[in-house]
Amino acid sequence: MIKMNEGFILSNKIRLAIFTEIASGEKRIDRIAKKNHIIEKAAMQAAEELKQHGLIEEKEEGYELTEEGRKIYAKMKGSQEI
């Protein structure tokens, strides 16, 4: 697992949308894709990238932030980057 900073998330609009929606409590990629007008395949790819970098995890009920993801979200939120 590669640890990445918020630059990895901010550098891609789709990853940013997926990350912030999951941080806000949405657990389903299909709903995130529809709400943000993203092609579902692109949304799934972005989610997979976030998952590979240890920022989100897939649970039985859907996606959620990992501990690392929560730390980065708090840092981004505190600096108003999102």
Protein backbone atom coordinates (compact mmCIF):
# COMPACT_ATOMS: atom_id res chain seq x y z
CA MET A 1 0.00 0.00 0.00
CA ILE A 2 1.40 3.37 -1.06
CA LYS A 3 0.77 6.34 1.24
CA MET A 4 -0.19 9.47 -0.64
CA ASN A 5 -0.97 13.01 0.37
CA GLU A 6 -3.86 15.22 -0.56
CA GLY A 7 -2.14 16.21 -3.82
CA PHE A 8 -3.01 12.77 -5.22
CA ILE A 9 -6.69 13.43 -4.56
CA LEU A 10 -6.71 17.07 -5.65
CA SER A 11 -4.88 16.34 -8.91
CA ASN A 12 -7.91 14.54 -10.37
CA LYS A 13 -11.48 15.92 -10.34
CA ILE A 14 -13.06 12.46 -10.37
CA ARG A 15 -10.93 11.20 -7.48
CA LEU A 16 -11.76 14.39 -5.57
CA ALA A 17 -15.50 13.93 -6.15
CA ILE A 18 -15.39 10.26 -5.10
CA PHE A 19 -13.28 11.02 -2.03
CA THR A 20 -15.39 13.93 -0.79
CA GLU A 21 -18.68 12.11 -1.38
CA ILE A 22 -17.45 9.08 0.57
CA ALA A 23 -16.16 11.41 3.30
CA SER A 24 -19.67 12.93 3.43
CA GLY A 25 -21.20 9.51 4.05
CA GLU A 26 -22.18 8.25 0.59
CA LYS A 27 -21.20 4.59 0.27
CA ARG A 28 -22.22 3.70 -3.30
CA ILE A 29 -20.12 4.59 -6.34
CA ASP A 30 -23.08 4.38 -8.72
CA ARG A 31 -24.93 7.09 -6.76
CA ILE A 32 -21.80 9.26 -6.57
CA ALA A 33 -21.31 8.90 -10.33
CA LYS A 34 -24.91 9.85 -11.09
CA LYS A 35 -24.94 12.82 -8.69
CA ASN A 36 -21.66 14.21 -10.08
CA HIS A 37 -22.38 13.40 -13.75
CA ILE A 38 -19.41 11.02 -13.95
CA ILE A 39 -19.31 7.94 -16.18
CA GLU A 40 -19.66 5.02 -13.77
CA LYS A 41 -16.62 3.18 -15.19
CA ALA A 42 -14.44 6.27 -14.57
CA ALA A 43 -15.87 6.57 -11.05
CA MET A 44 -15.09 2.91 -10.34
CA GLN A 45 -11.52 3.39 -11.63
CA ALA A 46 -11.03 6.44 -9.39
CA ALA A 47 -12.41 4.50 -6.40
CA GLU A 48 -10.00 1.66 -7.16
CA GLU A 49 -7.08 4.12 -7.24
CA LEU A 50 -8.14 5.60 -3.90
CA LYS A 51 -8.49 2.09 -2.49
CA GLN A 52 -5.04 1.05 -3.75
CA HIS A 53 -3.53 4.08 -2.06
CA GLY A 54 -5.16 3.24 1.27
CA LEU A 55 -7.55 6.20 1.37
CA ILE A 56 -10.86 4.34 1.11
CA GLU A 57 -11.93 0.78 1.80
CA GLU A 58 -14.77 -1.35 0.58
CA LYS A 59 -16.94 -2.83 3.28
CA GLU A 60 -20.03 -5.01 3.03
CA GLU A 61 -22.30 -1.93 3.15
CA GLY A 62 -20.19 0.10 0.71
CA TYR A 63 -17.16 2.37 0.67
CA GLU A 64 -15.81 4.44 3.52
CA LEU A 65 -12.64 6.35 4.37
CA THR A 66 -9.76 4.54 6.02
CA GLU A 67 -8.04 6.07 9.05
CA GLU A 68 -5.48 7.60 6.65
CA GLY A 69 -8.32 8.90 4.46
CA ARG A 70 -10.01 10.52 7.46
CA LYS A 71 -6.74 12.25 8.44
CA ILE A 72 -6.24 13.61 4.93
CA TYR A 73 -9.87 14.72 4.69
CA ALA A 74 -9.56 16.60 7.99
CA LYS A 75 -6.35 18.24 6.77
CA MET A 76 -7.95 19.21 3.44
CA LYS A 77 -11.08 20.49 5.17
CA GLY A 78 -9.02 22.53 7.61
CA SER A 79 -7.06 24.20 4.82
CA GLN A 80 -10.19 24.76 2.68
CA GLU A 81 -8.72 22.78 -0.26
CA ILE A 82 -12.06 21.06 -0.77
